[in-house]
């Protein structure tokens, strides 16, 4: 009887021990599997945040902000626009005088050259007539010590209409237009790089000429 009681006691003790040890181990395993583990920072995210792209020599963070910055830089228009100045050109009118026409041109160091090129293109004002024969080209222009030497192609002579009035208009449209500039006091006209006696046989252009305001029609408002 005693032996039987001891046997049952041992069995109960063994079961208690086995049960207790098995649940505790399982509980530790479950706790270890379910315990929240701090998530390390994503390597991709770290790379994205630290990555930089070069935009116009400046580092710009990548991502949406970088794309916006780059697109704004690309889209931003660059301010342009050349400065202009107003010059006076003299053309012939029907009354036998030279008449002034104002014209806006780009402001550059070679303003006298541009002014002569505009004179060769002819007037824009109705009632005025070109003084430079068609096809005449400006070959060169130089200014030194108040003397402007201006060289035209041979068409200035070969395509001229002739006549003293027309020749005066041609010569003094050149001279009066150039002497509007303070750096020019006299004008020497050349044709194909050479000094010529005259343009159409009436007016001596072999020497430097000065401004003749008497040929300019007075009291006419500049156009």
C-alpha atoms as a PDB file:
ATOM      1  CA  UNK A   1       0.000   0.000   0.000  1.00  0.00           C
ATOM      2  CA  UNK A   2       2.776   2.368   0.955  1.00  0.00           C
ATOM      3  CA  UNK A   3       4.671   1.403  -2.165  1.00  0.00           C
ATOM      4  CA  UNK A   4       1.652   2.221  -4.315  1.00  0.00           C
ATOM      5  CA  UNK A   5       1.191   5.619  -2.640  1.00  0.00           C
ATOM      6  CA  UNK A   6       4.870   6.468  -3.142  1.00  0.00           C
ATOM      7  CA  UNK A   7       4.640   5.490  -6.808  1.00  0.00           C
ATOM      8  CA  UNK A   8       1.720   7.832  -7.425  1.00  0.00           C
ATOM      9  CA  UNK A   9       3.475  10.612  -5.534  1.00  0.00           C
ATOM     10  CA  UNK A  10       6.587  10.179  -7.721  1.00  0.00           C
ATOM     11  CA  UNK A  11       4.504  10.154 -10.865  1.00  0.00           C
ATOM     12  CA  UNK A  12       2.703  13.329  -9.839  1.00  0.00           C
ATOM     13  CA  UNK A  13       5.992  15.044  -9.027  1.00  0.00           C
ATOM     14  CA  UNK A  14       7.477  13.980 -12.369  1.00  0.00           C
ATOM     15  CA  UNK A  15       4.445  15.279 -14.267  1.00  0.00           C
ATOM     16  CA  UNK A  16       4.526  18.565 -12.362  1.00  0.00           C
ATOM     17  CA  UNK A  17       8.193  19.027 -13.131  1.00  0.00           C
ATOM     18  CA  UNK A  18       7.759  18.121 -16.805  1.00  0.00           C
ATOM     19  CA  UNK A  19       4.748  20.369 -17.207  1.00  0.00           C
ATOM     20  CA  UNK A  20       6.372  23.299 -15.467  1.00  0.00           C
ATOM     21  CA  UNK A  21       9.637  23.083 -17.395  1.00  0.00           C
ATOM     22  CA  UNK A  22       7.914  22.566 -20.788  1.00  0.00           C
ATOM     23  CA  UNK A  23       5.575  25.608 -20.528  1.00  0.00           C
ATOM     24  CA  UNK A  24       8.268  27.898 -19.255  1.00  0.00           C
ATOM     25  CA  UNK A  25      10.568  27.024 -22.160  1.00  0.00           C
ATOM     26  CA  UNK A  26       7.738  27.403 -24.680  1.00  0.00           C
ATOM     27  CA  UNK A  27       6.725  30.668 -23.104  1.00  0.00           C
ATOM     28  CA  UNK A  28      10.280  32.016 -23.436  1.00  0.00           C
ATOM     29  CA  UNK A  29      10.403  30.900 -27.064  1.00  0.00           C
ATOM     30  CA  UNK A  30       7.111  32.599 -27.922  1.00  0.00           C
ATOM     31  CA  UNK A  31       8.163  35.745 -26.091  1.00  0.00           C
ATOM     32  CA  UNK A  32      11.459  35.838 -27.982  1.00  0.00           C
ATOM     33  CA  UNK A  33       9.704  35.399 -31.364  1.00  0.00           C
ATOM     34  CA  UNK A  34       7.044  38.000 -30.694  1.00  0.00           C
ATOM     35  CA  UNK A  35       9.133  40.617 -28.937  1.00  0.00           C
ATOM     36  CA  UNK A  36       9.374  43.814 -31.100  1.00  0.00           C
ATOM     37  CA  UNK A  37      12.834  44.348 -32.454  1.00  0.00           C
ATOM     38  CA  UNK A  38      13.972  47.896 -33.387  1.00  0.00           C
ATOM     39  CA  UNK A  39      13.953  48.123 -37.193  1.00  0.00           C
ATOM     40  CA  UNK A  40      17.267  49.335 -38.546  1.00  0.00           C
ATOM     41  CA  UNK A  41      17.165  52.329 -40.879  1.00  0.00           C
ATOM     42  CA  UNK A  42      16.690  51.227 -44.439  1.00  0.00           C
ATOM     43  CA  UNK A  43      19.941  51.357 -46.356  1.00  0.00           C
ATOM     44  CA  UNK A  44      18.060  52.555 -49.442  1.00  0.00           C
ATOM     45  CA  UNK A  45      16.389  55.342 -47.495  1.00  0.00           C
ATOM     46  CA  UNK A  46      19.701  56.445 -46.006  1.00  0.00           C
ATOM     47  CA  UNK A  47      21.294  56.519 -49.452  1.00  0.00           C
ATOM     48  CA  UNK A  48      18.404  58.533 -50.866  1.00  0.00           C
ATOM     49  CA  UNK A  49      18.620  61.101 -48.106  1.00  0.00           C
ATOM     50  CA  UNK A  50      22.362  61.522 -48.324  1.00  0.00           C
ATOM     51  CA  UNK A  51      22.667  61.359 -52.113  1.00  0.00           C
ATOM     52  CA  UNK A  52      23.302  64.677 -53.869  1.00  0.00           C
ATOM     53  CA  UNK A  53      23.144  65.668 -57.499  1.00  0.00           C
ATOM     54  CA  UNK A  54      25.101  68.481 -59.134  1.00  0.00           C
ATOM     55  CA  UNK A  55      22.997  71.265 -60.587  1.00  0.00           C
ATOM     56  CA  UNK A  56      24.873  74.186 -62.066  1.00  0.00           C
ATOM     57  CA  UNK A  57      27.896  73.591 -59.870  1.00  0.00           C
ATOM     58  CA  UNK A  58      25.820  73.432 -56.655  1.00  0.00           C
ATOM     59  CA  UNK A  59      24.879  70.393 -54.667  1.00  0.00           C
ATOM     60  CA  UNK A  60      21.149  69.825 -54.564  1.00  0.00           C
ATOM     61  CA  UNK A  61      19.503  67.100 -52.398  1.00  0.00           C
ATOM     62  CA  UNK A  62      18.019  64.356 -54.537  1.00  0.00           C
ATOM     63  CA  UNK A  63      14.342  63.450 -54.513  1.00  0.00           C
ATOM     64  CA  UNK A  64      11.357  65.649 -55.217  1.00  0.00           C
ATOM     65  CA  UNK A  65      13.002  68.829 -53.967  1.00  0.00           C
ATOM     66  CA  UNK A  66      16.017  68.223 -56.169  1.00  0.00           C
ATOM     67  CA  UNK A  67      13.886  67.567 -59.222  1.00  0.00           C
ATOM     68  CA  UNK A  68      11.896  70.735 -58.603  1.00  0.00           C
ATOM     69  CA  UNK A  69      15.072  72.725 -58.133  1.00  0.00           C
ATOM     70  CA  UNK A  70      16.563  71.375 -61.338  1.00  0.00           C
ATOM     71  CA  UNK A  71      13.412  71.971 -63.348  1.00  0.00           C
ATOM     72  CA  UNK A  72      13.138  75.526 -62.048  1.00  0.00           C
ATOM     73  CA  UNK A  73      16.749  76.207 -62.964  1.00  0.00           C
ATOM     74  CA  UNK A  74      16.260  74.803 -66.460  1.00  0.00           C
ATOM     75  CA  UNK A  75      12.992  76.595 -67.078  1.00  0.00           C
ATOM     76  CA  UNK A  76      14.080  79.984 -65.773  1.00  0.00           C
ATOM     77  CA  UNK A  77      14.614  82.208 -68.843  1.00  0.00           C
ATOM     78  CA  UNK A  78      17.803  84.169 -69.064  1.00  0.00           C
ATOM     79  CA  UNK A  79      17.207  87.889 -69.347  1.00  0.00           C
ATOM     80  CA  UNK A  80      18.304  89.179 -72.710  1.00  0.00           C
ATOM     81  CA  UNK A  81      17.916  92.333 -74.658  1.00  0.00           C
ATOM     82  CA  UNK A  82      20.511  94.592 -76.247  1.00  0.00           C
ATOM     83  CA  UNK A  83      20.630  98.280 -75.370  1.00  0.00           C
ATOM     84  CA  UNK A  84      19.691 100.631 -78.186  1.00  0.00           C
ATOM     85  CA  UNK A  85      20.490 104.188 -79.153  1.00  0.00           C
ATOM     86  CA  UNK A  86      18.860 106.654 -81.526  1.00  0.00           C
ATOM     87  CA  UNK A  87      20.811 108.116 -84.444  1.00  0.00           C
ATOM     88  CA  UNK A  88      19.932 110.642 -87.154  1.00  0.00           C
ATOM     89  CA  UNK A  89      20.080 109.750 -90.844  1.00  0.00           C
ATOM     90  CA  UNK A  90      19.811 112.326 -93.616  1.00  0.00           C
ATOM     91  CA  UNK A  91      17.896 111.544 -96.803  1.00  0.00           C
ATOM     92  CA  UNK A  92      16.764 113.666 -99.725  1.00  0.00           C
ATOM     93  CA  UNK A  93      13.274 115.142 -99.945  1.00  0.00           C
ATOM     94  CA  UNK A  94      11.297 116.491-102.884  1.00  0.00           C
ATOM     95  CA  UNK A  95      12.225 120.092-102.065  1.00  0.00           C
ATOM     96  CA  UNK A  96      15.910 119.609-102.785  1.00  0.00           C
ATOM     97  CA  UNK A  97      17.008 119.457 -99.155  1.00  0.00           C
ATOM     98  CA  UNK A  98      18.292 116.825 -96.789  1.00  0.00           C
ATOM     99  CA  UNK A  99      15.755 115.794 -94.183  1.00  0.00           C
ATOM    100  CA  UNK A 100      16.488 114.045 -90.900  1.00  0.00           C
ATOM    101  CA  UNK A 101      15.065 110.655 -89.942  1.00  0.00           C
ATOM    102  CA  UNK A 102      15.616 109.157 -86.515  1.00  0.00           C
ATOM    103  CA  UNK A 103      16.365 105.463 -86.251  1.00  0.00           C
ATOM    104  CA  UNK A 104      16.952 103.134 -83.301  1.00  0.00           C
ATOM    105  CA  UNK A 105      19.973 100.827 -83.581  1.00  0.00           C
ATOM    106  CA  UNK A 106      21.886  98.524 -81.241  1.00  0.00           C
ATOM    107  CA  UNK A 107      24.240 100.403 -78.956  1.00  0.00           C
ATOM    108  CA  UNK A 108      27.736  99.144 -79.739  1.00  0.00           C
ATOM    109  CA  UNK A 109      31.228 100.646 -79.970  1.00  0.00           C
ATOM    110  CA  UNK A 110      30.856 100.616 -83.786  1.00  0.00           C
ATOM    111  CA  UNK A 111      27.836 102.938 -83.830  1.00  0.00           C
ATOM    112  CA  UNK A 112      29.191 104.999 -86.757  1.00  0.00           C
ATOM    113  CA  UNK A 113      29.550 101.852 -88.866  1.00  0.00           C
ATOM    114  CA  UNK A 114      26.008 100.757 -88.077  1.00  0.00           C
ATOM    115  CA  UNK A 115      24.734 104.247 -88.864  1.00  0.00           C
ATOM    116  CA  UNK A 116      26.328 104.170 -92.326  1.00  0.00           C
ATOM    117  CA  UNK A 117      24.875 100.733 -92.970  1.00  0.00           C
ATOM    118  CA  UNK A 118      21.435 102.074 -92.109  1.00  0.00           C
ATOM    119  CA  UNK A 119      21.998 105.029 -94.469  1.00  0.00           C
ATOM    120  CA  UNK A 120      22.767 102.566 -97.269  1.00  0.00           C
ATOM    121  CA  UNK A 121      19.487 100.743 -96.584  1.00  0.00           C
ATOM    122  CA  UNK A 122      17.500 103.870 -97.391  1.00  0.00           C
ATOM    123  CA  UNK A 123      14.703 105.797 -95.664  1.00  0.00           C
ATOM    124  CA  UNK A 124      11.635 104.485 -93.887  1.00  0.00           C
ATOM    125  CA  UNK A 125       9.782 107.793 -93.904  1.00  0.00           C
ATOM    126  CA  UNK A 126       7.312 108.404 -96.697  1.00  0.00           C
ATOM    127  CA  UNK A 127       8.362 111.286 -98.969  1.00  0.00           C
ATOM    128  CA  UNK A 128      12.095 110.766 -98.448  1.00  0.00           C
ATOM    129  CA  UNK A 129      14.470 109.309-101.031  1.00  0.00           C
ATOM    130  CA  UNK A 130      17.639 107.246-100.792  1.00  0.00           C
ATOM    131  CA  UNK A 131      20.887 109.137-101.363  1.00  0.00           C
ATOM    132  CA  UNK A 132      23.174 106.103-101.691  1.00  0.00           C
ATOM    133  CA  UNK A 133      22.879 104.173-104.996  1.00  0.00           C
ATOM    134  CA  UNK A 134      21.403 100.681-104.719  1.00  0.00           C
ATOM    135  CA  UNK A 135      23.973  97.915-104.342  1.00  0.00           C
ATOM    136  CA  UNK A 136      26.543 100.189-102.659  1.00  0.00           C
ATOM    137  CA  UNK A 137      28.311  98.457 -99.790  1.00  0.00           C
ATOM    138  CA  UNK A 138      30.140  99.939 -96.846  1.00  0.00           C
ATOM    139  CA  UNK A 139      33.652  98.501 -97.112  1.00  0.00           C
ATOM    140  CA  UNK A 140      35.307 100.070 -94.079  1.00  0.00           C
ATOM    141  CA  UNK A 141      35.170 103.011 -91.704  1.00  0.00           C
ATOM    142  CA  UNK A 142      37.867 104.438 -89.437  1.00  0.00           C
ATOM    143  CA  UNK A 143      37.910 107.391 -87.044  1.00  0.00           C
ATOM    144  CA  UNK A 144      41.124 109.044 -85.899  1.00  0.00           C
ATOM    145  CA  UNK A 145      41.820 112.505 -84.518  1.00  0.00           C
ATOM    146  CA  UNK A 146      38.412 113.813 -85.579  1.00  0.00           C
ATOM    147  CA  UNK A 147      38.738 112.511 -89.159  1.00  0.00           C
ATOM    148  CA  UNK A 148      36.409 109.754 -90.316  1.00  0.00           C
ATOM    149  CA  UNK A 149      37.564 107.850 -93.394  1.00  0.00           C
ATOM    150  CA  UNK A 150      34.652 105.988 -94.931  1.00  0.00           C
ATOM    151  CA  UNK A 151      35.172 103.544 -97.780  1.00  0.00           C
ATOM    152  CA  UNK A 152      32.352 102.495-100.137  1.00  0.00           C
ATOM    153  CA  UNK A 153      32.222  99.982-102.969  1.00  0.00           C
ATOM    154  CA  UNK A 154      32.431 101.201-106.567  1.00  0.00           C
ATOM    155  CA  UNK A 155      28.635 101.211-106.941  1.00  0.00           C
ATOM    156  CA  UNK A 156      28.677 104.599-105.193  1.00  0.00           C
ATOM    157  CA  UNK A 157      30.074 105.964-108.494  1.00  0.00           C
ATOM    158  CA  UNK A 158      29.032 103.474-111.178  1.00  0.00           C
ATOM    159  CA  UNK A 159      25.331 103.378-110.181  1.00  0.00           C
ATOM    160  CA  UNK A 160      24.924 107.053-109.335  1.00  0.00           C
ATOM    161  CA  UNK A 161      22.123 108.890-111.177  1.00  0.00           C
ATOM    162  CA  UNK A 162      24.299 111.950-111.787  1.00  0.00           C
ATOM    163  CA  UNK A 163      23.363 115.612-111.548  1.00  0.00           C
ATOM    164  CA  UNK A 164      24.758 118.243-109.204  1.00  0.00           C
ATOM    165  CA  UNK A 165      21.784 118.219-106.843  1.00  0.00           C
ATOM    166  CA  UNK A 166      21.813 114.425-106.552  1.00  0.00           C
ATOM    167  CA  UNK A 167      25.571 114.397-106.005  1.00  0.00           C
ATOM    168  CA  UNK A 168      25.339 117.014-103.256  1.00  0.00           C
ATOM    169  CA  UNK A 169      22.604 114.980-101.587  1.00  0.00           C
ATOM    170  CA  UNK A 170      24.740 111.824-101.693  1.00  0.00           C
ATOM    171  CA  UNK A 171      27.905 113.446-100.379  1.00  0.00           C
ATOM    172  CA  UNK A 172      26.359 115.526 -97.623  1.00  0.00           C
ATOM    173  CA  UNK A 173      23.965 112.844 -96.487  1.00  0.00           C
ATOM    174  CA  UNK A 174      27.134 110.903 -95.642  1.00  0.00           C
ATOM    175  CA  UNK A 175      29.031 113.866 -94.162  1.00  0.00           C
ATOM    176  CA  UNK A 176      26.140 115.312 -92.132  1.00  0.00           C
ATOM    177  CA  UNK A 177      25.105 111.910 -90.828  1.00  0.00           C
ATOM    178  CA  UNK A 178      28.631 111.118 -89.602  1.00  0.00           C
ATOM    179  CA  UNK A 179      29.351 114.540 -88.082  1.00  0.00           C
ATOM    180  CA  UNK A 180      26.450 114.159 -85.659  1.00  0.00           C
ATOM    181  CA  UNK A 181      28.986 112.254 -83.535  1.00  0.00           C
ATOM    182  CA  UNK A 182      31.227 114.428 -81.376  1.00  0.00           C
ATOM    183  CA  UNK A 183      34.317 112.382 -82.272  1.00  0.00           C
ATOM    184  CA  UNK A 184      33.938 113.237 -85.992  1.00  0.00           C
ATOM    185  CA  UNK A 185      34.700 116.688 -87.402  1.00  0.00           C
ATOM    186  CA  UNK A 186      35.677 115.843 -90.977  1.00  0.00           C
ATOM    187  CA  UNK A 187      34.834 113.064 -93.427  1.00  0.00           C
ATOM    188  CA  UNK A 188      37.021 111.641 -96.186  1.00  0.00           C
ATOM    189  CA  UNK A 189      35.092 109.581 -98.742  1.00  0.00           C
ATOM    190  CA  UNK A 190      36.896 106.712-100.498  1.00  0.00           C
ATOM    191  CA  UNK A 191      35.694 104.436-103.289  1.00  0.00           C
ATOM    192  CA  UNK A 192      37.200 100.942-103.362  1.00  0.00           C
ATOM    193  CA  UNK A 193      39.856 102.178-100.964  1.00  0.00           C
ATOM    194  CA  UNK A 194      40.966 105.059-103.193  1.00  0.00           C
ATOM    195  CA  UNK A 195      40.533 108.810-103.151  1.00  0.00           C
ATOM    196  CA  UNK A 196      38.342 109.958-106.082  1.00  0.00           C
ATOM    197  CA  UNK A 197      37.920 113.443-107.536  1.00  0.00           C
ATOM    198  CA  UNK A 198      34.123 113.317-107.379  1.00  0.00           C
ATOM    199  CA  UNK A 199      31.132 111.012-107.246  1.00  0.00           C
ATOM    200  CA  UNK A 200      29.360 112.349-110.362  1.00  0.00           C
ATOM    201  CA  UNK A 201      31.660 115.070-111.697  1.00  0.00           C
ATOM    202  CA  UNK A 202      30.382 118.149-109.827  1.00  0.00           C
ATOM    203  CA  UNK A 203      31.661 118.122-106.254  1.00  0.00           C
ATOM    204  CA  UNK A 204      35.269 117.699-105.142  1.00  0.00           C
ATOM    205  CA  UNK A 205      35.521 114.827-102.641  1.00  0.00           C
ATOM    206  CA  UNK A 206      39.283 114.353-102.857  1.00  0.00           C
ATOM    207  CA  UNK A 207      39.709 116.269 -99.585  1.00  0.00           C
ATOM    208  CA  UNK A 208      38.065 115.888 -96.170  1.00  0.00           C
ATOM    209  CA  UNK A 209      34.674 117.605 -95.949  1.00  0.00           C
ATOM    210  CA  UNK A 210      32.936 119.284 -93.012  1.00  0.00           C
ATOM    211  CA  UNK A 211      29.294 119.518 -92.070  1.00  0.00           C
ATOM    212  CA  UNK A 212      27.001 121.710 -94.190  1.00  0.00           C
ATOM    213  CA  UNK A 213      23.846 122.498 -92.222  1.00  0.00           C
ATOM    214  CA  UNK A 214      22.570 124.810 -94.990  1.00  0.00           C
ATOM    215  CA  UNK A 215      21.499 121.761 -96.966  1.00  0.00           C
ATOM    216  CA  UNK A 216      19.309 120.491 -94.125  1.00  0.00           C
ATOM    217  CA  UNK A 217      15.666 121.467 -94.354  1.00  0.00           C
ATOM    218  CA  UNK A 218      14.909 123.649 -91.340  1.00  0.00           C
ATOM    219  CA  UNK A 219      11.763 123.432 -89.281  1.00  0.00           C
ATOM    220  CA  UNK A 220      11.037 119.793 -90.171  1.00  0.00           C
ATOM    221  CA  UNK A 221      10.182 117.572 -87.199  1.00  0.00           C
ATOM    222  CA  UNK A 222      12.372 114.470 -86.942  1.00  0.00           C
ATOM    223  CA  UNK A 223      10.504 111.304 -87.859  1.00  0.00           C
END
